[in-house]
């Protein structure tokens, strides 16, 4: 009986760790999307640059793939 409890506990720990790793990967993907997009936002006027950053924010937040950070 103790062996079964130990195995179940170990499996629960593995599941918890793997779900945490998935969340970290999604967060890194969000940052990479926003960073890549805003790097290309070199515009002649500040107004156009801000508009580009907002477009990047919308693009990277579609489908839960990005966040509301603009990286600027």
C-alpha atoms as a PDB file:
ATOM      1  CA  UNK A   1       0.000   0.000   0.000  1.00  0.00           C
ATOM      2  CA  UNK A   2       2.860   2.434   0.812  1.00  0.00           C
ATOM      3  CA  UNK A   3       4.434   1.726  -2.573  1.00  0.00           C
ATOM      4  CA  UNK A   4       1.223   2.632  -4.399  1.00  0.00           C
ATOM      5  CA  UNK A   5       0.896   5.901  -2.474  1.00  0.00           C
ATOM      6  CA  UNK A   6       4.517   6.748  -3.277  1.00  0.00           C
ATOM      7  CA  UNK A   7       3.992   6.043  -6.987  1.00  0.00           C
ATOM      8  CA  UNK A   8       0.823   8.156  -7.088  1.00  0.00           C
ATOM      9  CA  UNK A   9       2.580  11.021  -5.298  1.00  0.00           C
ATOM     10  CA  UNK A  10       5.498  10.859  -7.740  1.00  0.00           C
ATOM     11  CA  UNK A  11       3.138  10.929 -10.722  1.00  0.00           C
ATOM     12  CA  UNK A  12       1.295  13.936  -9.309  1.00  0.00           C
ATOM     13  CA  UNK A  13       4.594  15.796  -8.890  1.00  0.00           C
ATOM     14  CA  UNK A  14       5.589  14.989 -12.489  1.00  0.00           C
ATOM     15  CA  UNK A  15       2.255  16.252 -13.806  1.00  0.00           C
ATOM     16  CA  UNK A  16       2.583  19.475 -11.808  1.00  0.00           C
ATOM     17  CA  UNK A  17       6.109  20.070 -13.102  1.00  0.00           C
ATOM     18  CA  UNK A  18       5.201  19.379 -16.719  1.00  0.00           C
ATOM     19  CA  UNK A  19       2.244  21.770 -16.607  1.00  0.00           C
ATOM     20  CA  UNK A  20       4.514  24.482 -15.188  1.00  0.00           C
ATOM     21  CA  UNK A  21       7.008  23.957 -18.002  1.00  0.00           C
ATOM     22  CA  UNK A  22       4.228  24.372 -20.586  1.00  0.00           C
ATOM     23  CA  UNK A  23       3.224  27.705 -19.069  1.00  0.00           C
ATOM     24  CA  UNK A  24       6.829  28.957 -19.213  1.00  0.00           C
ATOM     25  CA  UNK A  25       7.058  28.020 -22.897  1.00  0.00           C
ATOM     26  CA  UNK A  26       3.901  29.981 -23.713  1.00  0.00           C
ATOM     27  CA  UNK A  27       5.235  33.016 -21.888  1.00  0.00           C
ATOM     28  CA  UNK A  28       8.510  32.871 -23.805  1.00  0.00           C
ATOM     29  CA  UNK A  29       6.591  32.629 -27.076  1.00  0.00           C
ATOM     30  CA  UNK A  30       4.616  35.744 -26.149  1.00  0.00           C
ATOM     31  CA  UNK A  31       7.735  37.735 -25.391  1.00  0.00           C
ATOM     32  CA  UNK A  32       9.467  36.540 -28.558  1.00  0.00           C
ATOM     33  CA  UNK A  33       6.469  37.513 -30.709  1.00  0.00           C
ATOM     34  CA  UNK A  34       6.212  40.995 -29.247  1.00  0.00           C
ATOM     35  CA  UNK A  35       9.977  41.525 -29.304  1.00  0.00           C
ATOM     36  CA  UNK A  36      10.292  40.382 -32.917  1.00  0.00           C
ATOM     37  CA  UNK A  37       7.384  42.504 -34.061  1.00  0.00           C
ATOM     38  CA  UNK A  38       8.338  45.703 -32.224  1.00  0.00           C
ATOM     39  CA  UNK A  39      11.941  45.436 -33.443  1.00  0.00           C
ATOM     40  CA  UNK A  40      10.570  46.121 -36.916  1.00  0.00           C
ATOM     41  CA  UNK A  41       8.698  49.223 -35.735  1.00  0.00           C
ATOM     42  CA  UNK A  42      11.308  51.736 -36.883  1.00  0.00           C
ATOM     43  CA  UNK A  43       9.156  54.579 -38.204  1.00  0.00           C
ATOM     44  CA  UNK A  44       9.944  58.204 -39.055  1.00  0.00           C
ATOM     45  CA  UNK A  45       7.495  59.670 -36.528  1.00  0.00           C
ATOM     46  CA  UNK A  46       6.700  58.703 -32.928  1.00  0.00           C
ATOM     47  CA  UNK A  47       2.991  58.507 -33.806  1.00  0.00           C
ATOM     48  CA  UNK A  48       3.644  55.837 -36.451  1.00  0.00           C
ATOM     49  CA  UNK A  49       5.922  53.940 -34.066  1.00  0.00           C
ATOM     50  CA  UNK A  50       3.206  53.875 -31.391  1.00  0.00           C
ATOM     51  CA  UNK A  51       0.686  52.663 -33.961  1.00  0.00           C
ATOM     52  CA  UNK A  52       3.070  49.876 -34.994  1.00  0.00           C
ATOM     53  CA  UNK A  53       3.525  48.825 -31.349  1.00  0.00           C
ATOM     54  CA  UNK A  54      -0.247  48.650 -30.895  1.00  0.00           C
ATOM     55  CA  UNK A  55      -0.559  46.508 -34.022  1.00  0.00           C
ATOM     56  CA  UNK A  56       2.128  44.179 -32.657  1.00  0.00           C
ATOM     57  CA  UNK A  57       0.260  43.925 -29.379  1.00  0.00           C
ATOM     58  CA  UNK A  58      -2.922  42.915 -31.191  1.00  0.00           C
ATOM     59  CA  UNK A  59      -1.101  40.467 -33.461  1.00  0.00           C
ATOM     60  CA  UNK A  60       0.748  38.735 -30.634  1.00  0.00           C
ATOM     61  CA  UNK A  61      -2.270  38.503 -28.343  1.00  0.00           C
ATOM     62  CA  UNK A  62      -4.506  36.704 -30.861  1.00  0.00           C
ATOM     63  CA  UNK A  63      -5.560  33.199 -29.862  1.00  0.00           C
ATOM     64  CA  UNK A  64      -3.977  33.488 -26.433  1.00  0.00           C
ATOM     65  CA  UNK A  65      -0.489  33.532 -27.929  1.00  0.00           C
ATOM     66  CA  UNK A  66       0.558  36.895 -26.584  1.00  0.00           C
ATOM     67  CA  UNK A  67       0.153  39.381 -23.813  1.00  0.00           C
ATOM     68  CA  UNK A  68      -0.468  43.057 -23.439  1.00  0.00           C
ATOM     69  CA  UNK A  69       3.206  43.983 -23.053  1.00  0.00           C
ATOM     70  CA  UNK A  70       4.714  46.001 -25.865  1.00  0.00           C
ATOM     71  CA  UNK A  71       8.332  45.666 -24.827  1.00  0.00           C
ATOM     72  CA  UNK A  72       8.872  49.422 -25.118  1.00  0.00           C
END
